[in-house]
Amino acid sequence: SEGQDIARRLGRFLNEQRKEWGDMEPHIYTSTLPRAIETGTICVQELEKPASMEAFSALNPVDVGACHGMTMGDIRQMLGPDQLERMRKNPAHARLPGGESQMDVTKRLEPFIVDYLERQTSPVLVVSHLSTLQILYEYFIGTGGEHRGPFWALQLPVGTVIQLVARFGGASAGVSWEETRFQI
């Protein structure tokens, strides 16, 4: 499948990157959904040297609640134009019935980000789902807070590794992130 092919290419990409990292062992974090764990497992199998892999429910996709399995047309029809307009005007707090908003997912991700990403001194690979990766990207690079645009409008191409490297600008400047994209 295409996903398995991308996972193998990802493993080969990590092998190449490790030449720059020296002996640092990458940490691979996945969601708890089988497709993400399978991607991480295939990637690890491609590696020439070991890497740790761990699954976290914080990396699971945005919960769409009662709309799970519905098409966009079905959702539009169910919600109606007034509800859709309210969601468009307040994307950070917009949620489908019984589902999560962008802010809900950010709050779900924050303990994981602090405990497993920001404190990590070795390279990290996050294998997750588009919605979660969009929100993680916004967290690190985004416009900030509740004034950001809807996460679902952020384009993250399939088969692309987005590398973020922390750059520290002193006590007053804080941390900025240098971004490099690799098509694998």
C-alpha atoms as a PDB file:
ATOM      1  CA  SER A   1       0.000   0.000   0.000  1.00  0.00           C
ATOM      2  CA  GLU A   2       1.003   3.646  -0.333  1.00  0.00           C
ATOM      3  CA  GLY A   3       1.154   4.068   3.458  1.00  0.00           C
ATOM      4  CA  GLN A   4       3.505   1.110   3.874  1.00  0.00           C
ATOM      5  CA  ASP A   5       5.709   2.434   1.069  1.00  0.00           C
ATOM      6  CA  ILE A   6       5.892   5.839   2.783  1.00  0.00           C
ATOM      7  CA  ALA A   7       6.783   4.103   6.080  1.00  0.00           C
ATOM      8  CA  ARG A   8       9.668   2.247   4.399  1.00  0.00           C
ATOM      9  CA  ARG A   9      10.910   5.468   2.773  1.00  0.00           C
ATOM     10  CA  LEU A  10      10.646   7.170   6.161  1.00  0.00           C
ATOM     11  CA  GLY A  11      12.883   4.508   7.707  1.00  0.00           C
ATOM     12  CA  ARG A  12      15.443   4.953   4.925  1.00  0.00           C
ATOM     13  CA  PHE A  13      15.250   8.734   5.409  1.00  0.00           C
ATOM     14  CA  LEU A  14      15.983   8.304   9.129  1.00  0.00           C
ATOM     15  CA  ASN A  15      18.998   6.143   8.281  1.00  0.00           C
ATOM     16  CA  GLU A  16      20.382   9.009   6.172  1.00  0.00           C
ATOM     17  CA  GLN A  17      19.641  11.593   8.871  1.00  0.00           C
ATOM     18  CA  ARG A  18      21.389   9.518  11.518  1.00  0.00           C
ATOM     19  CA  LYS A  19      24.671  10.104   9.709  1.00  0.00           C
ATOM     20  CA  GLU A  20      24.310  13.766  10.762  1.00  0.00           C
ATOM     21  CA  TRP A  21      23.043  12.940  14.273  1.00  0.00           C
ATOM     22  CA  GLY A  22      25.915  10.648  15.178  1.00  0.00           C
ATOM     23  CA  ASP A  23      24.905   8.000  17.690  1.00  0.00           C
ATOM     24  CA  MET A  24      21.752   9.759  18.904  1.00  0.00           C
ATOM     25  CA  GLU A  25      18.862   7.309  18.908  1.00  0.00           C
ATOM     26  CA  PRO A  26      15.629   8.771  17.565  1.00  0.00           C
ATOM     27  CA  HIS A  27      12.416   8.448  19.545  1.00  0.00           C
ATOM     28  CA  ILE A  28       9.357   7.543  17.487  1.00  0.00           C
ATOM     29  CA  TYR A  29       5.977   8.441  18.948  1.00  0.00           C
ATOM     30  CA  THR A  30       2.749   7.215  17.348  1.00  0.00           C
ATOM     31  CA  SER A  31      -0.945   7.451  18.074  1.00  0.00           C
ATOM     32  CA  THR A  32      -2.615   4.345  19.463  1.00  0.00           C
ATOM     33  CA  LEU A  33      -4.509   3.653  16.240  1.00  0.00           C
ATOM     34  CA  PRO A  34      -3.327   0.508  14.421  1.00  0.00           C
ATOM     35  CA  ARG A  35      -2.444   2.313  11.180  1.00  0.00           C
ATOM     36  CA  ALA A  36      -0.072   4.702  13.001  1.00  0.00           C
ATOM     37  CA  ILE A  37       1.523   1.883  14.997  1.00  0.00           C
ATOM     38  CA  GLU A  38       1.975  -0.108  11.775  1.00  0.00           C
ATOM     39  CA  THR A  39       3.655   2.887  10.119  1.00  0.00           C
ATOM     40  CA  GLY A  40       6.018   3.301  13.065  1.00  0.00           C
ATOM     41  CA  THR A  41       6.785  -0.429  13.157  1.00  0.00           C
ATOM     42  CA  ILE A  42       7.603  -0.582   9.432  1.00  0.00           C
ATOM     43  CA  CYS A  43       9.798   2.503   9.809  1.00  0.00           C
ATOM     44  CA  VAL A  44      11.709   0.926  12.729  1.00  0.00           C
ATOM     45  CA  GLN A  45      12.168  -2.309  10.731  1.00  0.00           C
ATOM     46  CA  GLU A  46      13.928  -0.286   8.011  1.00  0.00           C
ATOM     47  CA  LEU A  47      16.418   1.231  10.440  1.00  0.00           C
ATOM     48  CA  GLU A  48      20.022   0.066  10.489  1.00  0.00           C
ATOM     49  CA  LYS A  49      20.354   0.960  14.209  1.00  0.00           C
ATOM     50  CA  PRO A  50      17.729   0.686  16.969  1.00  0.00           C
ATOM     51  CA  ALA A  51      15.164   3.348  17.824  1.00  0.00           C
ATOM     52  CA  SER A  52      12.573   3.492  20.573  1.00  0.00           C
ATOM     53  CA  MET A  53       8.887   3.586  19.679  1.00  0.00           C
ATOM     54  CA  GLU A  54       5.963   4.368  21.942  1.00  0.00           C
ATOM     55  CA  ALA A  55       2.229   4.920  21.318  1.00  0.00           C
ATOM     56  CA  PHE A  56       0.265   7.716  23.014  1.00  0.00           C
ATOM     57  CA  SER A  57      -3.472   8.372  22.907  1.00  0.00           C
ATOM     58  CA  ALA A  58      -2.715  12.118  22.963  1.00  0.00           C
ATOM     59  CA  LEU A  59      -1.632  11.697  19.323  1.00  0.00           C
ATOM     60  CA  ASN A  60      -4.963  10.182  18.243  1.00  0.00           C
ATOM     61  CA  PRO A  61      -6.917  12.136  15.614  1.00  0.00           C
ATOM     62  CA  VAL A  62      -9.476  14.819  16.389  1.00  0.00           C
ATOM     63  CA  ASP A  63     -12.653  13.178  17.670  1.00  0.00           C
ATOM     64  CA  VAL A  64     -15.482  14.135  15.296  1.00  0.00           C
ATOM     65  CA  GLY A  65     -18.119  12.730  17.657  1.00  0.00           C
ATOM     66  CA  ALA A  66     -21.512  11.989  16.133  1.00  0.00           C
ATOM     67  CA  CYS A  67     -20.150  12.782  12.659  1.00  0.00           C
ATOM     68  CA  HIS A  68     -17.768   9.818  12.559  1.00  0.00           C
ATOM     69  CA  GLY A  69     -18.105   8.056   9.208  1.00  0.00           C
ATOM     70  CA  MET A  70     -20.194  10.840   7.659  1.00  0.00           C
ATOM     71  CA  THR A  71     -19.346  12.620   4.424  1.00  0.00           C
ATOM     72  CA  MET A  72     -18.855  16.391   4.366  1.00  0.00           C
ATOM     73  CA  GLY A  73     -22.184  16.664   2.534  1.00  0.00           C
ATOM     74  CA  ASP A  74     -23.937  14.744   5.325  1.00  0.00           C
ATOM     75  CA  ILE A  75     -22.303  16.969   7.957  1.00  0.00           C
ATOM     76  CA  ARG A  76     -23.276  20.168   6.123  1.00  0.00           C
ATOM     77  CA  GLN A  77     -26.848  18.955   5.856  1.00  0.00           C
ATOM     78  CA  MET A  78     -27.014  17.925   9.523  1.00  0.00           C
ATOM     79  CA  LEU A  79     -25.528  21.180  10.862  1.00  0.00           C
ATOM     80  CA  GLY A  80     -27.173  23.663   8.528  1.00  0.00           C
ATOM     81  CA  PRO A  81     -25.798  26.983   7.285  1.00  0.00           C
ATOM     82  CA  ASP A  82     -26.155  28.895  10.597  1.00  0.00           C
ATOM     83  CA  GLN A  83     -24.110  26.392  12.617  1.00  0.00           C
ATOM     84  CA  LEU A  84     -21.499  26.136   9.839  1.00  0.00           C
ATOM     85  CA  GLU A  85     -21.142  29.930   9.806  1.00  0.00           C
ATOM     86  CA  ARG A  86     -20.665  30.012  13.619  1.00  0.00           C
ATOM     87  CA  MET A  87     -17.966  27.338  13.265  1.00  0.00           C
ATOM     88  CA  ARG A  88     -16.240  29.294  10.494  1.00  0.00           C
ATOM     89  CA  LYS A  89     -16.198  32.453  12.630  1.00  0.00           C
ATOM     90  CA  ASN A  90     -14.723  30.689  15.689  1.00  0.00           C
ATOM     91  CA  PRO A  91     -12.589  27.806  14.380  1.00  0.00           C
ATOM     92  CA  ALA A  92     -10.527  27.370  17.561  1.00  0.00           C
ATOM     93  CA  HIS A  93     -13.642  26.430  19.527  1.00  0.00           C
ATOM     94  CA  ALA A  94     -15.703  24.885  16.718  1.00  0.00           C
ATOM     95  CA  ARG A  95     -16.659  21.293  17.370  1.00  0.00           C
ATOM     96  CA  LEU A  96     -18.932  18.828  15.729  1.00  0.00           C
ATOM     97  CA  PRO A  97     -21.666  17.362  17.986  1.00  0.00           C
ATOM     98  CA  GLY A  98     -19.975  15.199  20.621  1.00  0.00           C
ATOM     99  CA  GLY A  99     -16.534  15.934  19.173  1.00  0.00           C
ATOM    100  CA  GLU A 100     -13.406  17.921  20.002  1.00  0.00           C
ATOM    101  CA  SER A 101     -12.457  21.475  19.082  1.00  0.00           C
ATOM    102  CA  GLN A 102      -8.991  22.641  18.059  1.00  0.00           C
ATOM    103  CA  MET A 103      -8.501  24.018  21.585  1.00  0.00           C
ATOM    104  CA  ASP A 104      -9.639  20.703  23.129  1.00  0.00           C
ATOM    105  CA  VAL A 105      -6.999  18.828  21.140  1.00  0.00           C
ATOM    106  CA  THR A 106      -4.329  21.417  21.950  1.00  0.00           C
ATOM    107  CA  LYS A 107      -5.101  20.944  25.663  1.00  0.00           C
ATOM    108  CA  ARG A 108      -4.976  17.150  25.189  1.00  0.00           C
ATOM    109  CA  LEU A 109      -1.598  17.455  23.450  1.00  0.00           C
ATOM    110  CA  GLU A 110       0.063  19.945  25.821  1.00  0.00           C
ATOM    111  CA  PRO A 111       1.173  17.449  28.519  1.00  0.00           C
ATOM    112  CA  PHE A 112       2.620  15.183  25.808  1.00  0.00           C
ATOM    113  CA  ILE A 113       4.371  18.132  24.152  1.00  0.00           C
ATOM    114  CA  VAL A 114       5.927  19.298  27.425  1.00  0.00           C
ATOM    115  CA  ASP A 115       6.866  15.853  28.741  1.00  0.00           C
ATOM    116  CA  TYR A 116       7.953  14.110  25.527  1.00  0.00           C
ATOM    117  CA  LEU A 117       8.757  16.648  22.825  1.00  0.00           C
ATOM    118  CA  GLU A 118      10.089  19.825  24.394  1.00  0.00           C
ATOM    119  CA  ARG A 119      12.326  17.999  26.889  1.00  0.00           C
ATOM    120  CA  GLN A 120      13.750  15.613  24.336  1.00  0.00           C
ATOM    121  CA  THR A 121      17.414  16.059  23.435  1.00  0.00           C
ATOM    122  CA  SER A 122      17.450  13.353  20.761  1.00  0.00           C
ATOM    123  CA  PRO A 123      15.647  13.503  17.405  1.00  0.00           C
ATOM    124  CA  VAL A 124      11.905  12.815  17.540  1.00  0.00           C
ATOM    125  CA  LEU A 125       9.583  11.455  14.872  1.00  0.00           C
ATOM    126  CA  VAL A 126       5.831  11.840  15.399  1.00  0.00           C
ATOM    127  CA  VAL A 127       3.666   9.404  13.431  1.00  0.00           C
ATOM    128  CA  SER A 128       0.104  10.563  13.754  1.00  0.00           C
ATOM    129  CA  HIS A 129      -2.926  11.689  11.767  1.00  0.00           C
ATOM    130  CA  LEU A 130      -3.382  14.773   9.619  1.00  0.00           C
ATOM    131  CA  SER A 131      -5.654  16.603  12.077  1.00  0.00           C
ATOM    132  CA  THR A 132      -3.293  16.015  15.006  1.00  0.00           C
ATOM    133  CA  LEU A 133      -0.191  16.892  12.988  1.00  0.00           C
ATOM    134  CA  GLN A 134      -1.878  20.111  11.829  1.00  0.00           C
ATOM    135  CA  ILE A 135      -2.546  21.102  15.433  1.00  0.00           C
ATOM    136  CA  LEU A 136       0.979  20.149  16.563  1.00  0.00           C
ATOM    137  CA  TYR A 137       2.445  22.207  13.729  1.00  0.00           C
ATOM    138  CA  GLU A 138       0.256  25.171  14.703  1.00  0.00           C
ATOM    139  CA  TYR A 139       1.384  24.770  18.315  1.00  0.00           C
ATOM    140  CA  PHE A 140       5.056  25.123  17.399  1.00  0.00           C
ATOM    141  CA  ILE A 141       4.943  27.379  14.331  1.00  0.00           C
ATOM    142  CA  GLY A 142       1.422  28.818  14.281  1.00  0.00           C
ATOM    143  CA  THR A 143       0.035  32.246  14.757  1.00  0.00           C
ATOM    144  CA  GLY A 144      -0.712  31.507  18.393  1.00  0.00           C
ATOM    145  CA  GLY A 145      -3.614  31.271  20.754  1.00  0.00           C
ATOM    146  CA  GLU A 146      -7.251  31.471  19.864  1.00  0.00           C
ATOM    147  CA  HIS A 147      -6.642  33.825  16.935  1.00  0.00           C
ATOM    148  CA  ARG A 148      -5.161  31.216  14.660  1.00  0.00           C
ATOM    149  CA  GLY A 149      -6.987  29.975  11.616  1.00  0.00           C
ATOM    150  CA  PRO A 150      -8.755  26.651  11.396  1.00  0.00           C
ATOM    151  CA  PHE A 151      -6.310  23.766  11.650  1.00  0.00           C
ATOM    152  CA  TRP A 152      -8.094  21.941   8.848  1.00  0.00           C
ATOM    153  CA  ALA A 153      -7.027  24.664   6.372  1.00  0.00           C
ATOM    154  CA  LEU A 154      -3.309  24.032   7.025  1.00  0.00           C
ATOM    155  CA  GLN A 155      -1.722  22.086   4.164  1.00  0.00           C
ATOM    156  CA  LEU A 156       0.710  19.344   5.210  1.00  0.00           C
ATOM    157  CA  PRO A 157       1.674  17.272   2.168  1.00  0.00           C
ATOM    158  CA  VAL A 158       1.620  13.459   2.334  1.00  0.00           C
ATOM    159  CA  GLY A 159       5.074  11.891   2.125  1.00  0.00           C
ATOM    160  CA  THR A 160       6.792  14.950   3.595  1.00  0.00           C
ATOM    161  CA  VAL A 161       8.889  15.109   6.744  1.00  0.00           C
ATOM    162  CA  ILE A 162       8.762  18.475   8.470  1.00  0.00           C
ATOM    163  CA  GLN A 163      11.840  18.904  10.615  1.00  0.00           C
ATOM    164  CA  LEU A 164      11.637  21.512  13.365  1.00  0.00           C
ATOM    165  CA  VAL A 165      14.857  22.454  15.138  1.00  0.00           C
ATOM    166  CA  ALA A 166      14.744  24.677  18.225  1.00  0.00           C
ATOM    167  CA  ARG A 167      16.739  27.879  18.010  1.00  0.00           C
ATOM    168  CA  PHE A 168      17.208  29.702  21.282  1.00  0.00           C
ATOM    169  CA  GLY A 169      17.386  33.484  21.037  1.00  0.00           C
ATOM    170  CA  GLY A 170      18.262  34.398  24.602  1.00  0.00           C
ATOM    171  CA  ALA A 171      16.144  35.017  27.660  1.00  0.00           C
ATOM    172  CA  SER A 172      13.931  37.666  26.087  1.00  0.00           C
ATOM    173  CA  ALA A 173      13.581  36.104  22.637  1.00  0.00           C
ATOM    174  CA  GLY A 174      12.629  32.601  23.771  1.00  0.00           C
ATOM    175  CA  VAL A 175      12.523  29.710  21.309  1.00  0.00           C
ATOM    176  CA  SER A 176      11.932  29.865  17.597  1.00  0.00           C
ATOM    177  CA  TRP A 177      11.732  26.903  15.262  1.00  0.00           C
ATOM    178  CA  GLU A 178      13.772  26.435  12.125  1.00  0.00           C
ATOM    179  CA  GLU A 179      11.742  24.444   9.622  1.00  0.00           C
ATOM    180  CA  THR A 180      13.036  22.204   6.844  1.00  0.00           C
ATOM    181  CA  ARG A 181      10.806  20.030   4.671  1.00  0.00           C
ATOM    182  CA  PHE A 182      11.933  16.797   3.066  1.00  0.00           C
ATOM    183  CA  GLN A 183       9.944  15.001   0.389  1.00  0.00           C
ATOM    184  CA  ILE A 184      10.525  11.293   0.984  1.00  0.00           C
END
